[in-house]
Amino acid sequence: MTDELRPGQAEMNRLSTVLRITGESASVVSMQAGYQRQAIRRGSDPAADGDPRLQVDFSTKPTLLYIDRSQTQQVGVRQGNTVLLWSQEYRIHRQWLWPKLLFTVTVDGRAVLRVRERFGRNGSARVFDTRSAAALDPVAALALLLLEGRPHKMGLGRGDITS
């Protein structure tokens, strides 16, 4: 991992999440894919990317991460504040600054992702400013953001009851 952290922005609502990293032309997109499940694709157009790169399944305890192919292959798990993803261990460090969410993800004590929630223009989406290590796969960055931001718990708009 390098010490360089790249700025980016994510917008999260109950059905989808988009992560854009400054200096990269493609976005990373997650779409709801069944009950409490998010499918992550690289690229702005989910149809053009074929099968999802990664699935985050919130309906299991602990939360599982897997590749969705003909034979499902588990590639990660979250237990408490530790996420094991593709044989790499990530630690999530949370600071709750009500009503905003602030957290950092570390590998071997080095910060690889920093996320700060800010208020968006409308109440149907959460907006996050991100800074991630250049060596961190954007798919892994979005997976870590989803695990902490928990879009499956969010309502669909202003005044909706969260699921």
N, C-alpha and C. Protein backbone atom coordinates (compact mmCIF):
# COMPACT_ATOMS: atom_id res chain seq x y z
N MET A 1 0.84 -1.18 0.00
CA MET A 1 0.00 0.00 0.00
C MET A 1 0.89 1.25 0.00
N THR A 2 0.43 2.25 -0.68
CA THR A 2 1.18 3.50 -0.70
C THR A 2 0.59 4.46 0.32
N ASP A 3 1.30 5.54 0.58
CA ASP A 3 0.81 6.55 1.51
C ASP A 3 -0.12 7.54 0.84
N GLU A 4 -0.16 7.53 -0.49
CA GLU A 4 -0.99 8.48 -1.21
C GLU A 4 -2.47 8.11 -1.07
N LEU A 5 -3.30 9.07 -0.68
CA LEU A 5 -4.74 8.84 -0.59
C LEU A 5 -5.43 9.68 -1.65
N ARG A 6 -6.23 9.03 -2.50
CA ARG A 6 -6.92 9.71 -3.59
C ARG A 6 -8.30 10.17 -3.13
N PRO A 7 -8.67 11.40 -3.47
CA PRO A 7 -10.01 11.88 -3.12
C PRO A 7 -11.07 11.24 -4.00
N GLY A 8 -12.26 11.12 -3.47
CA GLY A 8 -13.38 10.60 -4.22
C GLY A 8 -14.68 11.00 -3.58
N GLN A 9 -15.77 10.52 -4.12
CA GLN A 9 -17.08 10.84 -3.59
C GLN A 9 -18.01 9.66 -3.81
N ALA A 10 -18.85 9.38 -2.86
CA ALA A 10 -19.84 8.31 -2.99
C ALA A 10 -21.21 8.86 -2.65
N GLU A 11 -22.20 8.39 -3.37
CA GLU A 11 -23.58 8.71 -3.06
C GLU A 11 -24.32 7.40 -2.87
N MET A 12 -24.96 7.25 -1.73
CA MET A 12 -25.57 5.99 -1.35
C MET A 12 -27.04 6.19 -1.07
N ASN A 13 -27.87 5.37 -1.70
CA ASN A 13 -29.26 5.28 -1.28
C ASN A 13 -29.63 3.81 -1.15
N ARG A 14 -30.87 3.53 -0.88
CA ARG A 14 -31.23 2.15 -0.56
C ARG A 14 -31.04 1.21 -1.74
N LEU A 15 -31.22 1.70 -2.96
CA LEU A 15 -31.16 0.82 -4.11
C LEU A 15 -29.80 0.75 -4.78
N SER A 16 -29.02 1.82 -4.69
CA SER A 16 -27.74 1.81 -5.39
C SER A 16 -26.74 2.73 -4.71
N THR A 17 -25.49 2.49 -5.01
CA THR A 17 -24.40 3.32 -4.51
C THR A 17 -23.40 3.51 -5.64
N VAL A 18 -22.92 4.74 -5.79
CA VAL A 18 -21.93 5.04 -6.82
C VAL A 18 -20.71 5.66 -6.15
N LEU A 19 -19.53 5.13 -6.45
CA LEU A 19 -18.28 5.67 -5.94
C LEU A 19 -17.47 6.18 -7.12
N ARG A 20 -17.09 7.46 -7.04
CA ARG A 20 -16.24 8.05 -8.08
C ARG A 20 -14.94 8.50 -7.43
N ILE A 21 -13.83 8.10 -8.03
CA ILE A 21 -12.52 8.48 -7.52
C ILE A 21 -11.91 9.50 -8.46
N THR A 22 -11.43 10.60 -7.91
CA THR A 22 -10.85 11.65 -8.72
C THR A 22 -9.69 11.10 -9.55
N GLY A 23 -9.68 11.44 -10.84
CA GLY A 23 -8.62 10.99 -11.72
C GLY A 23 -8.91 9.68 -12.42
N GLU A 24 -10.02 9.03 -12.10
CA GLU A 24 -10.41 7.79 -12.78
C GLU A 24 -11.69 8.04 -13.56
N SER A 25 -11.73 7.56 -14.79
CA SER A 25 -12.89 7.82 -15.64
C SER A 25 -14.08 6.96 -15.28
N ALA A 26 -13.85 5.74 -14.80
CA ALA A 26 -14.95 4.82 -14.51
C ALA A 26 -15.38 4.94 -13.05
N SER A 27 -16.66 4.75 -12.83
CA SER A 27 -17.20 4.69 -11.48
C SER A 27 -17.30 3.23 -11.05
N VAL A 28 -17.49 3.03 -9.77
CA VAL A 28 -17.82 1.71 -9.25
C VAL A 28 -19.24 1.80 -8.73
N VAL A 29 -20.08 0.85 -9.14
CA VAL A 29 -21.51 0.93 -8.88
C VAL A 29 -21.97 -0.30 -8.14
N SER A 30 -22.82 -0.12 -7.13
CA SER A 30 -23.48 -1.26 -6.50
C SER A 30 -24.98 -1.09 -6.70
N MET A 31 -25.64 -2.20 -6.98
CA MET A 31 -27.09 -2.20 -7.15
C MET A 31 -27.67 -3.26 -6.24
N GLN A 32 -28.87 -2.99 -5.72
CA GLN A 32 -29.52 -3.98 -4.89
C GLN A 32 -29.80 -5.21 -5.75
N ALA A 33 -29.45 -6.38 -5.23
CA ALA A 33 -29.57 -7.62 -6.01
C ALA A 33 -30.22 -8.69 -5.15
N GLY A 34 -31.45 -8.47 -4.76
CA GLY A 34 -32.14 -9.42 -3.90
C GLY A 34 -32.21 -8.90 -2.48
N TYR A 35 -32.78 -9.71 -1.62
CA TYR A 35 -33.01 -9.31 -0.25
C TYR A 35 -31.70 -9.00 0.46
N GLN A 36 -31.52 -7.75 0.90
CA GLN A 36 -30.35 -7.31 1.65
C GLN A 36 -29.04 -7.71 0.98
N ARG A 37 -28.99 -7.55 -0.33
CA ARG A 37 -27.79 -7.94 -1.07
C ARG A 37 -27.42 -6.83 -2.04
N GLN A 38 -26.14 -6.51 -2.12
CA GLN A 38 -25.63 -5.50 -3.05
C GLN A 38 -24.63 -6.15 -3.98
N ALA A 39 -24.83 -5.96 -5.29
CA ALA A 39 -23.90 -6.46 -6.30
C ALA A 39 -23.04 -5.30 -6.76
N ILE A 40 -21.72 -5.46 -6.71
CA ILE A 40 -20.79 -4.38 -7.05
C ILE A 40 -20.19 -4.66 -8.42
N ARG A 41 -20.24 -3.63 -9.27
CA ARG A 41 -19.67 -3.71 -10.61
C ARG A 41 -18.70 -2.56 -10.80
N ARG A 42 -17.69 -2.79 -11.61
CA ARG A 42 -16.78 -1.70 -11.97
C ARG A 42 -17.27 -1.12 -13.28
N GLY A 43 -17.37 0.18 -13.36
CA GLY A 43 -17.87 0.82 -14.57
C GLY A 43 -19.22 1.46 -14.31
N SER A 44 -19.51 2.50 -15.06
CA SER A 44 -20.72 3.27 -14.84
C SER A 44 -21.97 2.57 -15.34
N ASP A 45 -21.81 1.65 -16.30
CA ASP A 45 -22.96 0.98 -16.89
C ASP A 45 -22.98 -0.48 -16.45
N PRO A 46 -23.87 -0.81 -15.50
CA PRO A 46 -23.89 -2.19 -15.00
C PRO A 46 -24.13 -3.22 -16.10
N ALA A 47 -24.92 -2.89 -17.13
CA ALA A 47 -25.22 -3.85 -18.19
C ALA A 47 -23.98 -4.19 -19.02
N ALA A 48 -23.09 -3.22 -19.18
CA ALA A 48 -21.90 -3.43 -20.01
C ALA A 48 -20.83 -4.25 -19.30
N ASP A 49 -20.93 -4.34 -18.00
CA ASP A 49 -19.87 -4.99 -17.22
C ASP A 49 -20.12 -6.48 -17.01
N GLY A 50 -21.28 -6.98 -17.43
CA GLY A 50 -21.55 -8.41 -17.26
C GLY A 50 -21.81 -8.77 -15.81
N ASP A 51 -21.26 -9.90 -15.37
CA ASP A 51 -21.49 -10.38 -14.01
C ASP A 51 -20.88 -9.44 -12.99
N PRO A 52 -21.53 -9.36 -11.82
CA PRO A 52 -20.95 -8.50 -10.78
C PRO A 52 -19.59 -9.00 -10.34
N ARG A 53 -18.74 -8.07 -9.98
CA ARG A 53 -17.41 -8.41 -9.49
C ARG A 53 -17.48 -8.98 -8.08
N LEU A 54 -18.43 -8.46 -7.29
CA LEU A 54 -18.50 -8.84 -5.88
C LEU A 54 -19.94 -8.69 -5.42
N GLN A 55 -20.36 -9.56 -4.49
CA GLN A 55 -21.66 -9.44 -3.84
C GLN A 55 -21.44 -9.25 -2.34
N VAL A 56 -22.19 -8.32 -1.75
CA VAL A 56 -22.18 -8.13 -0.30
C VAL A 56 -23.54 -8.59 0.20
N ASP A 57 -23.56 -9.61 1.04
CA ASP A 57 -24.80 -10.20 1.52
C ASP A 57 -25.00 -9.84 2.98
N PHE A 58 -25.92 -8.89 3.23
CA PHE A 58 -26.21 -8.44 4.58
C PHE A 58 -27.17 -9.36 5.31
N SER A 59 -27.80 -10.30 4.60
CA SER A 59 -28.81 -11.15 5.23
C SER A 59 -28.19 -12.27 6.06
N THR A 60 -26.88 -12.45 5.95
CA THR A 60 -26.20 -13.49 6.70
C THR A 60 -25.53 -12.88 7.93
N LYS A 61 -25.34 -13.68 8.95
CA LYS A 61 -24.61 -13.26 10.14
C LYS A 61 -23.47 -14.22 10.35
N PRO A 62 -22.21 -13.84 10.20
CA PRO A 62 -21.75 -12.51 9.84
C PRO A 62 -21.99 -12.20 8.36
N THR A 63 -21.84 -10.93 8.00
CA THR A 63 -21.99 -10.50 6.62
C THR A 63 -20.94 -11.17 5.74
N LEU A 64 -21.38 -11.74 4.62
CA LEU A 64 -20.47 -12.44 3.72
C LEU A 64 -20.27 -11.65 2.44
N LEU A 65 -19.08 -11.79 1.86
CA LEU A 65 -18.77 -11.19 0.56
C LEU A 65 -18.38 -12.33 -0.36
N TYR A 66 -18.93 -12.33 -1.57
CA TYR A 66 -18.62 -13.43 -2.46
C TYR A 66 -18.69 -13.00 -3.91
N ILE A 67 -18.10 -13.82 -4.78
CA ILE A 67 -18.16 -13.62 -6.21
C ILE A 67 -19.37 -14.39 -6.71
N ASP A 68 -20.19 -13.75 -7.51
CA ASP A 68 -21.40 -14.38 -8.02
C ASP A 68 -21.12 -15.01 -9.37
N ARG A 69 -20.88 -16.28 -9.38
CA ARG A 69 -20.65 -17.04 -10.60
C ARG A 69 -21.53 -18.27 -10.54
N SER A 70 -21.35 -19.19 -11.48
CA SER A 70 -22.18 -20.40 -11.46
C SER A 70 -22.00 -21.16 -10.15
N GLN A 71 -20.79 -21.17 -9.62
CA GLN A 71 -20.55 -21.70 -8.29
C GLN A 71 -20.13 -20.53 -7.42
N THR A 72 -20.95 -20.23 -6.43
CA THR A 72 -20.67 -19.09 -5.57
C THR A 72 -19.38 -19.32 -4.80
N GLN A 73 -18.50 -18.35 -4.87
CA GLN A 73 -17.21 -18.45 -4.18
C GLN A 73 -17.11 -17.33 -3.15
N GLN A 74 -17.05 -17.72 -1.88
CA GLN A 74 -16.92 -16.73 -0.82
C GLN A 74 -15.51 -16.16 -0.85
N VAL A 75 -15.41 -14.82 -0.84
CA VAL A 75 -14.11 -14.17 -0.87
C VAL A 75 -13.90 -13.24 0.32
N GLY A 76 -14.89 -13.18 1.22
CA GLY A 76 -14.72 -12.29 2.35
C GLY A 76 -15.80 -12.48 3.40
N VAL A 77 -15.53 -11.92 4.58
CA VAL A 77 -16.47 -11.96 5.69
C VAL A 77 -16.20 -10.77 6.59
N ARG A 78 -17.28 -10.22 7.16
CA ARG A 78 -17.11 -9.17 8.17
C ARG A 78 -17.52 -9.74 9.51
N GLN A 79 -16.62 -9.60 10.48
CA GLN A 79 -16.92 -9.99 11.85
C GLN A 79 -16.52 -8.83 12.73
N GLY A 80 -17.53 -8.17 13.30
CA GLY A 80 -17.27 -6.99 14.11
C GLY A 80 -16.66 -5.89 13.27
N ASN A 81 -15.52 -5.39 13.69
CA ASN A 81 -14.84 -4.30 12.98
C ASN A 81 -13.75 -4.79 12.04
N THR A 82 -13.70 -6.10 11.82
CA THR A 82 -12.68 -6.67 10.93
C THR A 82 -13.35 -7.23 9.69
N VAL A 83 -12.80 -6.88 8.53
CA VAL A 83 -13.28 -7.41 7.26
C VAL A 83 -12.12 -8.16 6.62
N LEU A 84 -12.35 -9.44 6.31
CA LEU A 84 -11.37 -10.23 5.56
C LEU A 84 -11.89 -10.31 4.14
N LEU A 85 -11.14 -9.73 3.19
CA LEU A 85 -11.58 -9.67 1.79
C LEU A 85 -10.40 -9.99 0.90
N TRP A 86 -10.55 -11.04 0.08
CA TRP A 86 -9.48 -11.51 -0.80
C TRP A 86 -8.17 -11.66 -0.03
N SER A 87 -8.24 -12.33 1.11
CA SER A 87 -7.08 -12.66 1.96
C SER A 87 -6.42 -11.44 2.59
N GLN A 88 -7.02 -10.27 2.49
CA GLN A 88 -6.49 -9.05 3.13
C GLN A 88 -7.39 -8.69 4.30
N GLU A 89 -6.80 -8.39 5.44
CA GLU A 89 -7.57 -8.03 6.62
C GLU A 89 -7.66 -6.51 6.76
N TYR A 90 -8.89 -6.00 6.79
CA TYR A 90 -9.15 -4.57 6.95
C TYR A 90 -9.80 -4.35 8.31
N ARG A 91 -9.39 -3.28 8.98
CA ARG A 91 -9.99 -2.91 10.27
C ARG A 91 -10.75 -1.60 10.09
N ILE A 92 -12.00 -1.59 10.52
CA ILE A 92 -12.84 -0.39 10.43
C ILE A 92 -12.84 0.30 11.79
N HIS A 93 -12.48 1.57 11.78
CA HIS A 93 -12.45 2.38 13.01
C HIS A 93 -13.51 3.47 12.87
N ARG A 94 -14.53 3.39 13.72
CA ARG A 94 -15.66 4.31 13.60
C ARG A 94 -15.58 5.44 14.61
N GLN A 95 -16.01 6.61 14.15
CA GLN A 95 -16.26 7.73 15.05
C GLN A 95 -17.63 8.25 14.65
N TRP A 96 -18.55 8.24 15.57
CA TRP A 96 -19.88 8.73 15.27
C TRP A 96 -19.97 10.19 15.64
N LEU A 97 -20.08 11.05 14.65
CA LEU A 97 -20.27 12.47 14.89
C LEU A 97 -21.71 12.78 14.48
N TRP A 98 -22.63 12.50 15.39
CA TRP A 98 -24.04 12.59 15.07
C TRP A 98 -24.36 13.94 14.48
N PRO A 99 -25.11 14.03 13.40
CA PRO A 99 -25.75 12.93 12.69
C PRO A 99 -24.91 12.39 11.53
N LYS A 100 -23.63 12.72 11.48
CA LYS A 100 -22.79 12.27 10.37
C LYS A 100 -21.94 11.08 10.77
N LEU A 101 -21.55 10.31 9.77
CA LEU A 101 -20.73 9.12 9.98
C LEU A 101 -19.31 9.41 9.51
N LEU A 102 -18.34 9.06 10.34
CA LEU A 102 -16.93 9.24 10.00
C LEU A 102 -16.22 7.95 10.36
N PHE A 103 -15.47 7.38 9.41
CA PHE A 103 -14.71 6.17 9.75
C PHE A 103 -13.46 6.07 8.89
N THR A 104 -12.53 5.27 9.39
CA THR A 104 -11.25 5.02 8.72
C THR A 104 -11.07 3.52 8.63
N VAL A 105 -10.46 3.07 7.53
CA VAL A 105 -10.15 1.66 7.35
C VAL A 105 -8.63 1.54 7.30
N THR A 106 -8.08 0.60 8.08
CA THR A 106 -6.63 0.42 8.12
C THR A 106 -6.24 -1.00 7.73
N VAL A 107 -5.02 -1.11 7.23
CA VAL A 107 -4.37 -2.40 6.98
C VAL A 107 -3.02 -2.33 7.66
N ASP A 108 -2.77 -3.24 8.59
CA ASP A 108 -1.51 -3.24 9.34
C ASP A 108 -1.22 -1.88 9.96
N GLY A 109 -2.25 -1.21 10.47
CA GLY A 109 -2.08 0.07 11.14
C GLY A 109 -1.98 1.27 10.23
N ARG A 110 -1.97 1.07 8.91
CA ARG A 110 -1.87 2.18 7.96
C ARG A 110 -3.25 2.47 7.37
N ALA A 111 -3.66 3.73 7.37
CA ALA A 111 -4.96 4.10 6.82
C ALA A 111 -4.96 3.91 5.31
N VAL A 112 -5.97 3.19 4.79
CA VAL A 112 -6.11 3.00 3.35
C VAL A 112 -7.40 3.62 2.83
N LEU A 113 -8.33 3.95 3.73
CA LEU A 113 -9.58 4.58 3.33
C LEU A 113 -10.09 5.44 4.47
N ARG A 114 -10.43 6.68 4.13
CA ARG A 114 -11.08 7.58 5.09
C ARG A 114 -12.38 8.04 4.47
N VAL A 115 -13.44 7.99 5.26
CA VAL A 115 -14.76 8.35 4.74
C VAL A 115 -15.43 9.32 5.71
N ARG A 116 -15.97 10.39 5.15
CA ARG A 116 -16.68 11.40 5.96
C ARG A 116 -18.02 11.66 5.29
N GLU A 117 -19.09 11.46 6.04
CA GLU A 117 -20.42 11.73 5.50
C GLU A 117 -20.70 13.22 5.58
N ARG A 118 -21.35 13.73 4.57
CA ARG A 118 -21.79 15.12 4.61
C ARG A 118 -23.24 15.16 4.14
N PHE A 119 -23.90 16.25 4.41
CA PHE A 119 -25.30 16.34 4.02
C PHE A 119 -25.42 16.56 2.52
N GLY A 120 -26.29 15.79 1.90
CA GLY A 120 -26.57 15.93 0.47
C GLY A 120 -27.67 16.94 0.25
N ARG A 121 -27.97 17.16 -1.02
CA ARG A 121 -29.00 18.13 -1.37
C ARG A 121 -30.40 17.64 -1.08
N ASN A 122 -30.59 16.32 -1.12
CA ASN A 122 -31.92 15.83 -0.78
C ASN A 122 -31.79 14.67 0.20
N GLY A 123 -32.87 14.42 0.90
CA GLY A 123 -32.81 13.45 1.99
C GLY A 123 -32.84 12.00 1.56
N SER A 124 -32.94 11.73 0.26
CA SER A 124 -33.06 10.34 -0.17
C SER A 124 -31.71 9.66 -0.37
N ALA A 125 -30.62 10.41 -0.25
CA ALA A 125 -29.29 9.81 -0.45
C ALA A 125 -28.34 10.31 0.63
N ARG A 126 -27.37 9.45 0.95
CA ARG A 126 -26.28 9.86 1.83
C ARG A 126 -25.09 10.13 0.93
N VAL A 127 -24.35 11.19 1.23
CA VAL A 127 -23.20 11.58 0.42
C VAL A 127 -21.96 11.49 1.29
N PHE A 128 -20.90 10.88 0.74
CA PHE A 128 -19.66 10.67 1.48
C PHE A 128 -18.48 11.23 0.68
N ASP A 129 -17.59 11.89 1.38
CA ASP A 129 -16.29 12.24 0.81
C ASP A 129 -15.33 11.13 1.21
N THR A 130 -14.55 10.63 0.25
CA THR A 130 -13.64 9.52 0.52
C THR A 130 -12.21 9.90 0.16
N ARG A 131 -11.28 9.26 0.83
CA ARG A 131 -9.87 9.34 0.46
C ARG A 131 -9.33 7.93 0.59
N SER A 132 -8.83 7.37 -0.52
CA SER A 132 -8.39 5.98 -0.50
C SER A 132 -6.99 5.84 -1.04
N ALA A 133 -6.28 4.81 -0.57
CA ALA A 133 -4.93 4.52 -1.03
C ALA A 133 -4.98 4.19 -2.52
N ALA A 134 -3.98 4.65 -3.24
CA ALA A 134 -3.94 4.41 -4.69
C ALA A 134 -3.89 2.92 -5.01
N ALA A 135 -3.32 2.12 -4.12
CA ALA A 135 -3.20 0.68 -4.37
C ALA A 135 -4.47 -0.08 -4.00
N LEU A 136 -5.44 0.59 -3.38
CA LEU A 136 -6.66 -0.08 -2.96
C LEU A 136 -7.61 -0.21 -4.15
N ASP A 137 -8.02 -1.44 -4.44
CA ASP A 137 -8.97 -1.70 -5.51
C ASP A 137 -10.26 -0.92 -5.23
N PRO A 138 -10.76 -0.15 -6.20
CA PRO A 138 -12.01 0.60 -5.97
C PRO A 138 -13.18 -0.29 -5.60
N VAL A 139 -13.19 -1.55 -6.07
CA VAL A 139 -14.26 -2.47 -5.68
C VAL A 139 -14.18 -2.77 -4.19
N ALA A 140 -12.96 -2.97 -3.68
CA ALA A 140 -12.79 -3.20 -2.25
C ALA A 140 -13.16 -1.95 -1.46
N ALA A 141 -12.80 -0.76 -1.98
CA ALA A 141 -13.17 0.49 -1.31
C ALA A 141 -14.68 0.62 -1.20
N LEU A 142 -15.40 0.32 -2.29
CA LEU A 142 -16.86 0.42 -2.25
C LEU A 142 -17.45 -0.64 -1.32
N ALA A 143 -16.88 -1.84 -1.31
CA ALA A 143 -17.38 -2.89 -0.40
C ALA A 143 -17.26 -2.44 1.05
N LEU A 144 -16.12 -1.85 1.41
CA LEU A 144 -15.93 -1.37 2.78
C LEU A 144 -16.89 -0.23 3.11
N LEU A 145 -17.14 0.64 2.15
CA LEU A 145 -18.09 1.73 2.34
C LEU A 145 -19.51 1.19 2.55
N LEU A 146 -19.90 0.19 1.75
CA LEU A 146 -21.22 -0.41 1.91
C LEU A 146 -21.37 -1.08 3.27
N LEU A 147 -20.34 -1.79 3.71
CA LEU A 147 -20.42 -2.50 4.99
C LEU A 147 -20.64 -1.54 6.14
N GLU A 148 -20.05 -0.36 6.06
CA GLU A 148 -20.21 0.60 7.15
C GLU A 148 -21.44 1.48 6.97
N GLY A 149 -21.70 1.90 5.73
CA GLY A 149 -22.83 2.79 5.48
C GLY A 149 -24.18 2.09 5.55
N ARG A 150 -24.21 0.79 5.30
CA ARG A 150 -25.38 -0.06 5.42
C ARG A 150 -26.59 0.45 4.64
N PRO A 151 -26.49 0.46 3.31
CA PRO A 151 -27.62 0.96 2.52
C PRO A 151 -28.89 0.13 2.67
N HIS A 152 -28.76 -1.15 3.06
CA HIS A 152 -29.94 -2.00 3.23
C HIS A 152 -30.81 -1.55 4.39
N LYS A 153 -30.27 -0.69 5.26
CA LYS A 153 -31.04 -0.18 6.40
C LYS A 153 -31.72 1.16 6.09
N MET A 154 -31.48 1.70 4.91
CA MET A 154 -31.94 3.05 4.60
C MET A 154 -33.32 3.03 3.97
N GLY A 155 -34.08 4.09 4.23
CA GLY A 155 -35.35 4.28 3.56
C GLY A 155 -35.15 4.74 2.13
N LEU A 156 -36.24 4.80 1.37
CA LEU A 156 -36.16 5.17 -0.03
C LEU A 156 -36.28 6.67 -0.25
N GLY A 157 -36.58 7.42 0.76
CA GLY A 157 -36.71 8.88 0.57
C GLY A 157 -37.05 9.54 1.88
N ARG A 158 -37.25 10.83 1.82
CA ARG A 158 -37.59 11.61 3.00
C ARG A 158 -38.82 11.05 3.69
N GLY A 159 -38.70 10.80 4.96
CA GLY A 159 -39.84 10.36 5.75
C GLY A 159 -40.12 8.87 5.67
N ASP A 160 -39.38 8.13 4.84
CA ASP A 160 -39.60 6.68 4.78
C ASP A 160 -39.08 6.02 6.03
N ILE A 161 -39.68 4.90 6.37
CA ILE A 161 -39.23 4.11 7.51
C ILE A 161 -38.11 3.20 7.02
N THR A 162 -37.00 3.16 7.76
CA THR A 162 -35.88 2.30 7.35
C THR A 162 -36.27 0.85 7.58
N SER A 163 -35.74 0.00 6.73
CA SER A 163 -36.07 -1.42 6.85
C SER A 163 -35.31 -2.08 7.96
